[in-house]
Amino acid sequence: MIDFKLPEIGEGVTEATIVQWNFSAGDRFTEGDVLVEIMTDKVNVEVEAEMSGTLDAILAKADDEVRVGAVIARIQPESGGPHS
């Protein structure tokens, strides 16, 4: 299991709001898929998956404000990948 954290979005940005998840818990995704859309006071960002796997749990829901680096979901990587 891997913690999926809110990435750094830009210089000086310390938090963002979850706009929407494009997958539900239990859904499989592939590397490059947009997992979640987030919004800051400056920009909207689509966060892509860095690996293929399954979205195990969503910890930050739509409209939640979260700090950069906070765990927003848990991912089960595909077996045989570099993180399994």
PDB file of N, CA and C in Angstrom:
ATOM      1  N   MET A   1       0.843  -1.175   0.000  1.00  0.00           N
ATOM      2  CA  MET A   1       0.000   0.000   0.000  1.00  0.00           C
ATOM      3  C   MET A   1       0.890   1.241   0.000  1.00  0.00           C
ATOM      4  N   ILE A   2       0.522   2.229  -0.781  1.00  0.00           N
ATOM      5  CA  ILE A   2       1.294   3.465  -0.892  1.00  0.00           C
ATOM      6  C   ILE A   2       0.396   4.638  -0.521  1.00  0.00           C
ATOM      7  N   ASP A   3       0.952   5.560   0.266  1.00  0.00           N
ATOM      8  CA  ASP A   3       0.243   6.799   0.571  1.00  0.00           C
ATOM      9  C   ASP A   3       0.355   7.718  -0.636  1.00  0.00           C
ATOM     10  N   PHE A   4      -0.782   8.215  -1.104  1.00  0.00           N
ATOM     11  CA  PHE A   4      -0.831   9.167  -2.211  1.00  0.00           C
ATOM     12  C   PHE A   4      -1.001  10.548  -1.599  1.00  0.00           C
ATOM     13  N   LYS A   5       0.029  11.388  -1.742  1.00  0.00           N
ATOM     14  CA  LYS A   5       0.048  12.688  -1.076  1.00  0.00           C
ATOM     15  C   LYS A   5      -0.251  13.818  -2.055  1.00  0.00           C
ATOM     16  N   LEU A   6      -0.823  14.889  -1.527  1.00  0.00           N
ATOM     17  CA  LEU A   6      -1.040  16.081  -2.334  1.00  0.00           C
ATOM     18  C   LEU A   6       0.328  16.630  -2.723  1.00  0.00           C
ATOM     19  N   PRO A   7       0.605  16.697  -4.030  1.00  0.00           N
ATOM     20  CA  PRO A   7       1.935  17.133  -4.454  1.00  0.00           C
ATOM     21  C   PRO A   7       2.123  18.643  -4.316  1.00  0.00           C
ATOM     22  N   GLU A   8       3.387  19.060  -4.375  1.00  0.00           N
ATOM     23  CA  GLU A   8       3.674  20.487  -4.435  1.00  0.00           C
ATOM     24  C   GLU A   8       3.134  21.005  -5.758  1.00  0.00           C
ATOM     25  N   ILE A   9       2.425  22.123  -5.695  1.00  0.00           N
ATOM     26  CA  ILE A   9       1.745  22.640  -6.875  1.00  0.00           C
ATOM     27  C   ILE A   9       2.487  23.827  -7.468  1.00  0.00           C
ATOM     28  N   GLY A  10       3.073  24.614  -6.608  1.00  0.00           N
ATOM     29  CA  GLY A  10       3.800  25.788  -7.064  1.00  0.00           C
ATOM     30  C   GLY A  10       4.431  26.489  -5.886  1.00  0.00           C
ATOM     31  N   GLU A  11       5.325  27.378  -6.179  1.00  0.00           N
ATOM     32  CA  GLU A  11       6.027  28.095  -5.128  1.00  0.00           C
ATOM     33  C   GLU A  11       5.043  28.905  -4.277  1.00  0.00           C
ATOM     34  N   GLY A  12       5.126  28.731  -2.972  1.00  0.00           N
ATOM     35  CA  GLY A  12       4.279  29.485  -2.055  1.00  0.00           C
ATOM     36  C   GLY A  12       2.904  28.885  -1.828  1.00  0.00           C
ATOM     37  N   VAL A  13       2.553  27.832  -2.570  1.00  0.00           N
ATOM     38  CA  VAL A  13       1.247  27.189  -2.391  1.00  0.00           C
ATOM     39  C   VAL A  13       1.378  26.155  -1.277  1.00  0.00           C
ATOM     40  N   THR A  14       0.570  26.319  -0.221  1.00  0.00           N
ATOM     41  CA  THR A  14       0.671  25.413   0.921  1.00  0.00           C
ATOM     42  C   THR A  14      -0.538  24.511   1.084  1.00  0.00           C
ATOM     43  N   GLU A  15      -1.635  24.833   0.384  1.00  0.00           N
ATOM     44  CA  GLU A  15      -2.830  23.993   0.485  1.00  0.00           C
ATOM     45  C   GLU A  15      -3.647  24.114  -0.785  1.00  0.00           C
ATOM     46  N   ALA A  16      -4.560  23.167  -0.948  1.00  0.00           N
ATOM     47  CA  ALA A  16      -5.430  23.146  -2.115  1.00  0.00           C
ATOM     48  C   ALA A  16      -6.759  22.514  -1.717  1.00  0.00           C
ATOM     49  N   THR A  17      -7.753  22.714  -2.554  1.00  0.00           N
ATOM     50  CA  THR A  17      -9.072  22.121  -2.350  1.00  0.00           C
ATOM     51  C   THR A  17      -9.264  21.004  -3.366  1.00  0.00           C
ATOM     52  N   ILE A  18      -9.771  19.877  -2.887  1.00  0.00           N
ATOM     53  CA  ILE A  18     -10.096  18.770  -3.791  1.00  0.00           C
ATOM     54  C   ILE A  18     -11.336  19.177  -4.578  1.00  0.00           C
ATOM     55  N   VAL A  19     -11.243  19.171  -5.898  1.00  0.00           N
ATOM     56  CA  VAL A  19     -12.400  19.489  -6.748  1.00  0.00           C
ATOM     57  C   VAL A  19     -13.199  18.217  -6.993  1.00  0.00           C
ATOM     58  N   GLN A  20     -12.522  17.187  -7.509  1.00  0.00           N
ATOM     59  CA  GLN A  20     -13.203  15.914  -7.736  1.00  0.00           C
ATOM     60  C   GLN A  20     -12.198  14.806  -7.967  1.00  0.00           C
ATOM     61  N   TRP A  21     -12.598  13.618  -7.578  1.00  0.00           N
ATOM     62  CA  TRP A  21     -11.857  12.397  -7.884  1.00  0.00           C
ATOM     63  C   TRP A  21     -12.435  11.833  -9.168  1.00  0.00           C
ATOM     64  N   ASN A  22     -11.584  11.353 -10.057  1.00  0.00           N
ATOM     65  CA  ASN A  22     -12.042  10.755 -11.309  1.00  0.00           C
ATOM     66  C   ASN A  22     -12.195   9.247 -11.205  1.00  0.00           C
ATOM     67  N   PHE A  23     -11.830   8.689 -10.058  1.00  0.00           N
ATOM     68  CA  PHE A  23     -11.974   7.269  -9.786  1.00  0.00           C
ATOM     69  C   PHE A  23     -12.575   7.114  -8.402  1.00  0.00           C
ATOM     70  N   SER A  24     -13.206   5.989  -8.156  1.00  0.00           N
ATOM     71  CA  SER A  24     -13.756   5.661  -6.838  1.00  0.00           C
ATOM     72  C   SER A  24     -12.876   4.602  -6.186  1.00  0.00           C
ATOM     73  N   ALA A  25     -13.006   4.453  -4.874  1.00  0.00           N
ATOM     74  CA  ALA A  25     -12.275   3.406  -4.173  1.00  0.00           C
ATOM     75  C   ALA A  25     -12.589   2.067  -4.812  1.00  0.00           C
ATOM     76  N   GLY A  26     -11.544   1.293  -5.064  1.00  0.00           N
ATOM     77  CA  GLY A  26     -11.697  -0.010  -5.702  1.00  0.00           C
ATOM     78  C   GLY A  26     -11.463   0.018  -7.204  1.00  0.00           C
ATOM     79  N   ASP A  27     -11.431   1.217  -7.799  1.00  0.00           N
ATOM     80  CA  ASP A  27     -11.226   1.331  -9.245  1.00  0.00           C
ATOM     81  C   ASP A  27      -9.752   1.157  -9.600  1.00  0.00           C
ATOM     82  N   ARG A  28      -9.509   0.512 -10.739  1.00  0.00           N
ATOM     83  CA  ARG A  28      -8.153   0.380 -11.276  1.00  0.00           C
ATOM     84  C   ARG A  28      -7.872   1.574 -12.174  1.00  0.00           C
ATOM     85  N   PHE A  29      -6.615   1.957 -12.234  1.00  0.00           N
ATOM     86  CA  PHE A  29      -6.195   3.058 -13.092  1.00  0.00           C
ATOM     87  C   PHE A  29      -4.837   2.710 -13.674  1.00  0.00           C
ATOM     88  N   THR A  30      -4.438   3.435 -14.705  1.00  0.00           N
ATOM     89  CA  THR A  30      -3.134   3.210 -15.310  1.00  0.00           C
ATOM     90  C   THR A  30      -2.290   4.478 -15.202  1.00  0.00           C
ATOM     91  N   GLU A  31      -0.995   4.287 -15.284  1.00  0.00           N
ATOM     92  CA  GLU A  31      -0.059   5.408 -15.215  1.00  0.00           C
ATOM     93  C   GLU A  31      -0.472   6.482 -16.212  1.00  0.00           C
ATOM     94  N   GLY A  32      -0.517   7.722 -15.756  1.00  0.00           N
ATOM     95  CA  GLY A  32      -0.894   8.840 -16.622  1.00  0.00           C
ATOM     96  C   GLY A  32      -2.356   9.234 -16.517  1.00  0.00           C
ATOM     97  N   ASP A  33      -3.197   8.364 -15.953  1.00  0.00           N
ATOM     98  CA  ASP A  33      -4.601   8.727 -15.747  1.00  0.00           C
ATOM     99  C   ASP A  33      -4.686   9.879 -14.745  1.00  0.00           C
ATOM    100  N   VAL A  34      -5.626  10.783 -14.949  1.00  0.00           N
ATOM    101  CA  VAL A  34      -5.852  11.862 -13.993  1.00  0.00           C
ATOM    102  C   VAL A  34      -6.674  11.292 -12.834  1.00  0.00           C
ATOM    103  N   LEU A  35      -6.038  11.200 -11.662  1.00  0.00           N
ATOM    104  CA  LEU A  35      -6.723  10.642 -10.494  1.00  0.00           C
ATOM    105  C   LEU A  35      -7.632  11.656  -9.831  1.00  0.00           C
ATOM    106  N   VAL A  36      -7.130  12.888  -9.677  1.00  0.00           N
ATOM    107  CA  VAL A  36      -7.855  13.880  -8.894  1.00  0.00           C
ATOM    108  C   VAL A  36      -7.610  15.268  -9.477  1.00  0.00           C
ATOM    109  N   GLU A  37      -8.628  16.110  -9.370  1.00  0.00           N
ATOM    110  CA  GLU A  37      -8.501  17.505  -9.774  1.00  0.00           C
ATOM    111  C   GLU A  37      -8.516  18.352  -8.512  1.00  0.00           C
ATOM    112  N   ILE A  38      -7.546  19.275  -8.424  1.00  0.00           N
ATOM    113  CA  ILE A  38      -7.447  20.131  -7.249  1.00  0.00           C
ATOM    114  C   ILE A  38      -7.432  21.591  -7.682  1.00  0.00           C
ATOM    115  N   MET A  39      -7.727  22.470  -6.727  1.00  0.00           N
ATOM    116  CA  MET A  39      -7.801  23.890  -7.007  1.00  0.00           C
ATOM    117  C   MET A  39      -7.075  24.660  -5.912  1.00  0.00           C
ATOM    118  N   THR A  40      -6.285  25.642  -6.318  1.00  0.00           N
ATOM    119  CA  THR A  40      -5.683  26.572  -5.367  1.00  0.00           C
ATOM    120  C   THR A  40      -6.260  27.949  -5.669  1.00  0.00           C
ATOM    121  N   ASP A  41      -5.808  28.947  -4.922  1.00  0.00           N
ATOM    122  CA  ASP A  41      -6.295  30.295  -5.209  1.00  0.00           C
ATOM    123  C   ASP A  41      -5.719  30.826  -6.518  1.00  0.00           C
ATOM    124  N   LYS A  42      -4.739  30.114  -7.093  1.00  0.00           N
ATOM    125  CA  LYS A  42      -4.088  30.578  -8.319  1.00  0.00           C
ATOM    126  C   LYS A  42      -4.368  29.719  -9.549  1.00  0.00           C
ATOM    127  N   VAL A  43      -4.599  28.423  -9.338  1.00  0.00           N
ATOM    128  CA  VAL A  43      -4.648  27.519 -10.498  1.00  0.00           C
ATOM    129  C   VAL A  43      -5.441  26.249 -10.174  1.00  0.00           C
ATOM    130  N   ASN A  44      -6.008  25.645 -11.220  1.00  0.00           N
ATOM    131  CA  ASN A  44      -6.596  24.314 -11.115  1.00  0.00           C
ATOM    132  C   ASN A  44      -5.596  23.330 -11.711  1.00  0.00           C
ATOM    133  N   VAL A  45      -5.446  22.170 -11.069  1.00  0.00           N
ATOM    134  CA  VAL A  45      -4.432  21.203 -11.484  1.00  0.00           C
ATOM    135  C   VAL A  45      -5.051  19.811 -11.551  1.00  0.00           C
ATOM    136  N   GLU A  46      -4.699  19.073 -12.614  1.00  0.00           N
ATOM    137  CA  GLU A  46      -5.061  17.665 -12.718  1.00  0.00           C
ATOM    138  C   GLU A  46      -3.844  16.856 -12.280  1.00  0.00           C
ATOM    139  N   VAL A  47      -4.020  16.018 -11.264  1.00  0.00           N
ATOM    140  CA  VAL A  47      -2.915  15.223 -10.738  1.00  0.00           C
ATOM    141  C   VAL A  47      -2.986  13.824 -11.354  1.00  0.00           C
ATOM    142  N   GLU A  48      -1.926  13.463 -12.073  1.00  0.00           N
ATOM    143  CA  GLU A  48      -1.880  12.179 -12.768  1.00  0.00           C
ATOM    144  C   GLU A  48      -1.240  11.096 -11.913  1.00  0.00           C
ATOM    145  N   ALA A  49      -1.632   9.863 -12.191  1.00  0.00           N
ATOM    146  CA  ALA A  49      -1.034   8.701 -11.526  1.00  0.00           C
ATOM    147  C   ALA A  49       0.382   8.500 -12.040  1.00  0.00           C
ATOM    148  N   GLU A  50       1.294   8.233 -11.127  1.00  0.00           N
ATOM    149  CA  GLU A  50       2.685   7.977 -11.504  1.00  0.00           C
ATOM    150  C   GLU A  50       2.948   6.493 -11.737  1.00  0.00           C
ATOM    151  N   MET A  51       1.929   5.667 -11.501  1.00  0.00           N
ATOM    152  CA  MET A  51       2.041   4.222 -11.674  1.00  0.00           C
ATOM    153  C   MET A  51       0.635   3.672 -11.908  1.00  0.00           C
ATOM    154  N   SER A  52       0.550   2.448 -12.334  1.00  0.00           N
ATOM    155  CA  SER A  52      -0.735   1.768 -12.467  1.00  0.00           C
ATOM    156  C   SER A  52      -1.070   1.079 -11.156  1.00  0.00           C
ATOM    157  N   GLY A  53      -2.354   0.962 -10.848  1.00  0.00           N
ATOM    158  CA  GLY A  53      -2.750   0.293  -9.625  1.00  0.00           C
ATOM    159  C   GLY A  53      -4.236   0.418  -9.369  1.00  0.00           C
ATOM    160  N   THR A  54      -4.592   0.269  -8.092  1.00  0.00           N
ATOM    161  CA  THR A  54      -5.985   0.358  -7.652  1.00  0.00           C
ATOM    162  C   THR A  54      -6.083   1.424  -6.573  1.00  0.00           C
ATOM    163  N   LEU A  55      -7.105   2.264  -6.689  1.00  0.00           N
ATOM    164  CA  LEU A  55      -7.361   3.270  -5.666  1.00  0.00           C
ATOM    165  C   LEU A  55      -8.012   2.551  -4.493  1.00  0.00           C
ATOM    166  N   ASP A  56      -7.258   2.357  -3.431  1.00  0.00           N
ATOM    167  CA  ASP A  56      -7.731   1.569  -2.296  1.00  0.00           C
ATOM    168  C   ASP A  56      -8.675   2.356  -1.399  1.00  0.00           C
ATOM    169  N   ALA A  57      -8.307   3.606  -1.075  1.00  0.00           N
ATOM    170  CA  ALA A  57      -9.136   4.427  -0.177  1.00  0.00           C
ATOM    171  C   ALA A  57      -8.924   5.899  -0.489  1.00  0.00           C
ATOM    172  N   ILE A  58     -10.009   6.654  -0.471  1.00  0.00           N
ATOM    173  CA  ILE A  58      -9.953   8.108  -0.630  1.00  0.00           C
ATOM    174  C   ILE A  58     -10.074   8.718   0.761  1.00  0.00           C
ATOM    175  N   LEU A  59      -9.072   9.496   1.155  1.00  0.00           N
ATOM    176  CA  LEU A  59      -9.044  10.074   2.497  1.00  0.00           C
ATOM    177  C   LEU A  59      -9.451  11.538   2.520  1.00  0.00           C
ATOM    178  N   ALA A  60      -9.385  12.222   1.378  1.00  0.00           N
ATOM    179  CA  ALA A  60      -9.806  13.622   1.278  1.00  0.00           C
ATOM    180  C   ALA A  60     -10.883  13.706   0.207  1.00  0.00           C
ATOM    181  N   LYS A  61     -12.045  14.122   0.593  1.00  0.00           N
ATOM    182  CA  LYS A  61     -13.210  14.162  -0.299  1.00  0.00           C
ATOM    183  C   LYS A  61     -13.292  15.501  -1.045  1.00  0.00           C
ATOM    184  N   ALA A  62     -14.176  15.565  -2.033  1.00  0.00           N
ATOM    185  CA  ALA A  62     -14.423  16.808  -2.763  1.00  0.00           C
ATOM    186  C   ALA A  62     -14.781  17.910  -1.776  1.00  0.00           C
ATOM    187  N   ASP A  63     -14.252  19.088  -2.010  1.00  0.00           N
ATOM    188  CA  ASP A  63     -14.433  20.302  -1.201  1.00  0.00           C
ATOM    189  C   ASP A  63     -13.567  20.336   0.049  1.00  0.00           C
ATOM    190  N   ASP A  64     -12.818  19.256   0.350  1.00  0.00           N
ATOM    191  CA  ASP A  64     -11.898  19.288   1.489  1.00  0.00           C
ATOM    192  C   ASP A  64     -10.687  20.144   1.138  1.00  0.00           C
ATOM    193  N   GLU A  65     -10.260  20.971   2.090  1.00  0.00           N
ATOM    194  CA  GLU A  65      -9.002  21.707   1.952  1.00  0.00           C
ATOM    195  C   GLU A  65      -7.906  20.871   2.595  1.00  0.00           C
ATOM    196  N   VAL A  66      -6.820  20.664   1.854  1.00  0.00           N
ATOM    197  CA  VAL A  66      -5.726  19.844   2.367  1.00  0.00           C
ATOM    198  C   VAL A  66      -4.388  20.551   2.159  1.00  0.00           C
ATOM    199  N   ARG A  67      -3.469  20.261   3.056  1.00  0.00           N
ATOM    200  CA  ARG A  67      -2.138  20.851   2.972  1.00  0.00           C
ATOM    201  C   ARG A  67      -1.266  20.037   2.025  1.00  0.00           C
ATOM    202  N   VAL A  68      -0.349  20.716   1.355  1.00  0.00           N
ATOM    203  CA  VAL A  68       0.619  20.043   0.493  1.00  0.00           C
ATOM    204  C   VAL A  68       1.362  19.003   1.337  1.00  0.00           C
ATOM    205  N   GLY A  69       1.490  17.810   0.817  1.00  0.00           N
ATOM    206  CA  GLY A  69       2.167  16.724   1.519  1.00  0.00           C
ATOM    207  C   GLY A  69       1.246  15.850   2.346  1.00  0.00           C
ATOM    208  N   ALA A  70      -0.023  16.270   2.510  1.00  0.00           N
ATOM    209  CA  ALA A  70      -0.984  15.464   3.268  1.00  0.00           C
ATOM    210  C   ALA A  70      -1.385  14.229   2.454  1.00  0.00           C
ATOM    211  N   VAL A  71      -1.608  13.124   3.135  1.00  0.00           N
ATOM    212  CA  VAL A  71      -2.065  11.902   2.471  1.00  0.00           C
ATOM    213  C   VAL A  71      -3.539  12.081   2.110  1.00  0.00           C
ATOM    214  N   ILE A  72      -3.844  11.981   0.811  1.00  0.00           N
ATOM    215  CA  ILE A  72      -5.229  12.178   0.364  1.00  0.00           C
ATOM    216  C   ILE A  72      -5.879  10.878  -0.100  1.00  0.00           C
ATOM    217  N   ALA A  73      -5.065   9.836  -0.305  1.00  0.00           N
ATOM    218  CA  ALA A  73      -5.603   8.529  -0.720  1.00  0.00           C
ATOM    219  C   ALA A  73      -4.547   7.462  -0.459  1.00  0.00           C
ATOM    220  N   ARG A  74      -4.990   6.217  -0.561  1.00  0.00           N
ATOM    221  CA  ARG A  74      -4.064   5.078  -0.490  1.00  0.00           C
ATOM    222  C   ARG A  74      -4.220   4.284  -1.780  1.00  0.00           C
ATOM    223  N   ILE A  75      -3.082   3.861  -2.300  1.00  0.00           N
ATOM    224  CA  ILE A  75      -3.036   3.170  -3.584  1.00  0.00           C
ATOM    225  C   ILE A  75      -2.390   1.802  -3.399  1.00  0.00           C
ATOM    226  N   GLN A  76      -2.975   0.812  -4.052  1.00  0.00           N
ATOM    227  CA  GLN A  76      -2.364  -0.513  -4.144  1.00  0.00           C
ATOM    228  C   GLN A  76      -1.725  -0.601  -5.521  1.00  0.00           C
ATOM    229  N   PRO A  77      -0.391  -0.572  -5.595  1.00  0.00           N
ATOM    230  CA  PRO A  77       0.260  -0.623  -6.908  1.00  0.00           C
ATOM    231  C   PRO A  77       0.026  -1.969  -7.576  1.00  0.00           C
ATOM    232  N   GLU A  78       0.109  -1.958  -8.906  1.00  0.00           N
ATOM    233  CA  GLU A  78       0.007  -3.210  -9.655  1.00  0.00           C
ATOM    234  C   GLU A  78       1.164  -4.107  -9.260  1.00  0.00           C
ATOM    235  N   SER A  79       0.918  -5.386  -9.076  1.00  0.00           N
ATOM    236  CA  SER A  79       1.997  -6.291  -8.703  1.00  0.00           C
ATOM    237  C   SER A  79       3.022  -6.358  -9.837  1.00  0.00           C
ATOM    238  N   GLY A  80       4.263  -6.452  -9.420  1.00  0.00           N
ATOM    239  CA  GLY A  80       5.332  -6.491 -10.397  1.00  0.00           C
ATOM    240  C   GLY A  80       5.881  -5.120 -10.707  1.00  0.00           C
ATOM    241  N   GLY A  81       5.242  -4.048 -10.202  1.00  0.00           N
ATOM    242  CA  GLY A  81       5.723  -2.698 -10.442  1.00  0.00           C
ATOM    243  C   GLY A  81       6.851  -2.356  -9.482  1.00  0.00           C
ATOM    244  N   PRO A  82       7.443  -1.198  -9.645  1.00  0.00           N
ATOM    245  CA  PRO A  82       8.594  -0.823  -8.825  1.00  0.00           C
ATOM    246  C   PRO A  82       8.245  -0.562  -7.370  1.00  0.00           C
ATOM    247  N   HIS A  83       6.977  -0.348  -7.044  1.00  0.00           N
ATOM    248  CA  HIS A  83       6.580  -0.023  -5.676  1.00  0.00           C
ATOM    249  C   HIS A  83       5.882  -1.173  -4.969  1.00  0.00           C
ATOM    250  N   SER A  84       5.819  -2.333  -5.588  1.00  0.00           N
ATOM    251  CA  SER A  84       5.081  -3.437  -4.957  1.00  0.00           C
ATOM    252  C   SER A  84       5.971  -4.287  -4.094  1.00  0.00           C
TER     253      SER A  84
END
